[in-house]
Amino acid sequence: MGKLVRLQQSTIVFWASLLVFDNFVASPLIR
């Protein structure tokens, strides 16, 4: 059970960082 929660948290952090990274990379390209 604990491993599953840890996996979910790391997945959320992974997607959040991916979103932030995408925003930082895409913004200059769009402009």
PDB file of N, CA and C in Angstrom:
ATOM      1  N   MET A   1       0.832  -1.200   0.000  1.00  0.00           N
ATOM      2  CA  MET A   1       0.000   0.000   0.000  1.00  0.00           C
ATOM      3  C   MET A   1       0.867   1.250   0.000  1.00  0.00           C
ATOM      4  N   GLY A   2       1.903   1.253   0.842  1.00  0.00           N
ATOM      5  CA  GLY A   2       2.784   2.418   0.925  1.00  0.00           C
ATOM      6  C   GLY A   2       3.525   2.664  -0.387  1.00  0.00           C
ATOM      7  N   LYS A   3       3.898   1.551  -1.047  1.00  0.00           N
ATOM      8  CA  LYS A   3       4.628   1.698  -2.310  1.00  0.00           C
ATOM      9  C   LYS A   3       3.737   2.342  -3.369  1.00  0.00           C
ATOM     10  N   LEU A   4       2.472   1.974  -3.372  1.00  0.00           N
ATOM     11  CA  LEU A   4       1.537   2.504  -4.370  1.00  0.00           C
ATOM     12  C   LEU A   4       1.375   4.006  -4.203  1.00  0.00           C
ATOM     13  N   VAL A   5       1.241   4.440  -2.939  1.00  0.00           N
ATOM     14  CA  VAL A   5       1.090   5.874  -2.664  1.00  0.00           C
ATOM     15  C   VAL A   5       2.345   6.614  -3.105  1.00  0.00           C
ATOM     16  N   ARG A   6       3.502   6.021  -2.813  1.00  0.00           N
ATOM     17  CA  ARG A   6       4.771   6.650  -3.188  1.00  0.00           C
ATOM     18  C   ARG A   6       4.873   6.751  -4.705  1.00  0.00           C
ATOM     19  N   LEU A   7       4.417   5.715  -5.395  1.00  0.00           N
ATOM     20  CA  LEU A   7       4.461   5.706  -6.858  1.00  0.00           C
ATOM     21  C   LEU A   7       3.562   6.795  -7.419  1.00  0.00           C
ATOM     22  N   GLN A   8       2.365   6.930  -6.838  1.00  0.00           N
ATOM     23  CA  GLN A   8       1.437   7.966  -7.300  1.00  0.00           C
ATOM     24  C   GLN A   8       2.030   9.353  -7.089  1.00  0.00           C
ATOM     25  N   GLN A   9       2.636   9.576  -5.932  1.00  0.00           N
ATOM     26  CA  GLN A   9       3.212  10.893  -5.629  1.00  0.00           C
ATOM     27  C   GLN A   9       4.340  11.213  -6.600  1.00  0.00           C
ATOM     28  N   SER A  10       5.198  10.244  -6.873  1.00  0.00           N
ATOM     29  CA  SER A  10       6.318  10.480  -7.783  1.00  0.00           C
ATOM     30  C   SER A  10       5.807  10.725  -9.197  1.00  0.00           C
ATOM     31  N   THR A  11       4.713  10.047  -9.559  1.00  0.00           N
ATOM     32  CA  THR A  11       4.129  10.247 -10.886  1.00  0.00           C
ATOM     33  C   THR A  11       3.567  11.648 -11.017  1.00  0.00           C
ATOM     34  N   ILE A  12       2.890  12.120  -9.960  1.00  0.00           N
ATOM     35  CA  ILE A  12       2.325  13.479  -9.971  1.00  0.00           C
ATOM     36  C   ILE A  12       3.446  14.504 -10.064  1.00  0.00           C
ATOM     37  N   VAL A  13       4.506  14.290  -9.293  1.00  0.00           N
ATOM     38  CA  VAL A  13       5.651  15.212  -9.323  1.00  0.00           C
ATOM     39  C   VAL A  13       6.284  15.201 -10.710  1.00  0.00           C
ATOM     40  N   PHE A  14       6.368  14.012 -11.306  1.00  0.00           N
ATOM     41  CA  PHE A  14       6.963  13.874 -12.633  1.00  0.00           C
ATOM     42  C   PHE A  14       6.169  14.664 -13.668  1.00  0.00           C
ATOM     43  N   TRP A  15       4.844  14.510 -13.648  1.00  0.00           N
ATOM     44  CA  TRP A  15       4.004  15.215 -14.625  1.00  0.00           C
ATOM     45  C   TRP A  15       4.012  16.713 -14.377  1.00  0.00           C
ATOM     46  N   ALA A  16       4.047  17.106 -13.100  1.00  0.00           N
ATOM     47  CA  ALA A  16       4.064  18.539 -12.768  1.00  0.00           C
ATOM     48  C   ALA A  16       5.356  19.177 -13.282  1.00  0.00           C
ATOM     49  N   SER A  17       6.476  18.514 -13.053  1.00  0.00           N
ATOM     50  CA  SER A  17       7.759  19.051 -13.523  1.00  0.00           C
ATOM     51  C   SER A  17       7.801  19.062 -15.045  1.00  0.00           C
ATOM     52  N   LEU A  18       7.176  18.056 -15.652  1.00  0.00           N
ATOM     53  CA  LEU A  18       7.130  18.003 -17.111  1.00  0.00           C
ATOM     54  C   LEU A  18       6.331  19.175 -17.664  1.00  0.00           C
ATOM     55  N   LEU A  19       5.220  19.491 -16.993  1.00  0.00           N
ATOM     56  CA  LEU A  19       4.391  20.623 -17.410  1.00  0.00           C
ATOM     57  C   LEU A  19       5.163  21.932 -17.289  1.00  0.00           C
ATOM     58  N   VAL A  20       5.834  22.115 -16.158  1.00  0.00           N
ATOM     59  CA  VAL A  20       6.612  23.341 -15.940  1.00  0.00           C
ATOM     60  C   VAL A  20       7.721  23.442 -16.978  1.00  0.00           C
ATOM     61  N   PHE A  21       8.413  22.328 -17.208  1.00  0.00           N
ATOM     62  CA  PHE A  21       9.490  22.302 -18.199  1.00  0.00           C
ATOM     63  C   PHE A  21       8.946  22.636 -19.584  1.00  0.00           C
ATOM     64  N   ASP A  22       7.794  22.064 -19.926  1.00  0.00           N
ATOM     65  CA  ASP A  22       7.169  22.303 -21.224  1.00  0.00           C
ATOM     66  C   ASP A  22       6.811  23.779 -21.375  1.00  0.00           C
ATOM     67  N   ASN A  23       6.311  24.379 -20.301  1.00  0.00           N
ATOM     68  CA  ASN A  23       5.940  25.798 -20.353  1.00  0.00           C
ATOM     69  C   ASN A  23       7.168  26.671 -20.583  1.00  0.00           C
ATOM     70  N   PHE A  24       8.258  26.346 -19.887  1.00  0.00           N
ATOM     71  CA  PHE A  24       9.470  27.157 -20.014  1.00  0.00           C
ATOM     72  C   PHE A  24      10.093  27.003 -21.398  1.00  0.00           C
ATOM     73  N   VAL A  25       9.991  25.806 -21.964  1.00  0.00           N
ATOM     74  CA  VAL A  25      10.607  25.558 -23.276  1.00  0.00           C
ATOM     75  C   VAL A  25       9.716  26.073 -24.403  1.00  0.00           C
ATOM     76  N   ALA A  26       8.412  25.884 -24.268  1.00  0.00           N
ATOM     77  CA  ALA A  26       7.484  26.225 -25.346  1.00  0.00           C
ATOM     78  C   ALA A  26       7.250  27.730 -25.443  1.00  0.00           C
ATOM     79  N   SER A  27       7.257  28.424 -24.319  1.00  0.00           N
ATOM     80  CA  SER A  27       6.944  29.857 -24.322  1.00  0.00           C
ATOM     81  C   SER A  27       7.869  30.659 -25.245  1.00  0.00           C
ATOM     82  N   PRO A  28       9.187  30.502 -25.150  1.00  0.00           N
ATOM     83  CA  PRO A  28      10.072  31.264 -26.049  1.00  0.00           C
ATOM     84  C   PRO A  28       9.863  30.871 -27.510  1.00  0.00           C
ATOM     85  N   LEU A  29       9.541  29.610 -27.767  1.00  0.00           N
ATOM     86  CA  LEU A  29       9.364  29.150 -29.145  1.00  0.00           C
ATOM     87  C   LEU A  29       8.113  29.754 -29.756  1.00  0.00           C
ATOM     88  N   ILE A  30       7.057  29.869 -28.947  1.00  0.00           N
ATOM     89  CA  ILE A  30       5.799  30.433 -29.440  1.00  0.00           C
ATOM     90  C   ILE A  30       5.984  31.916 -29.741  1.00  0.00           C
ATOM     91  N   ARG A  31       6.698  32.602 -28.871  1.00  0.00           N
ATOM     92  CA  ARG A  31       6.973  34.013 -29.109  1.00  0.00           C
ATOM     93  C   ARG A  31       8.057  34.116 -30.151  1.00  0.00           C
TER      94      ARG A  31
END
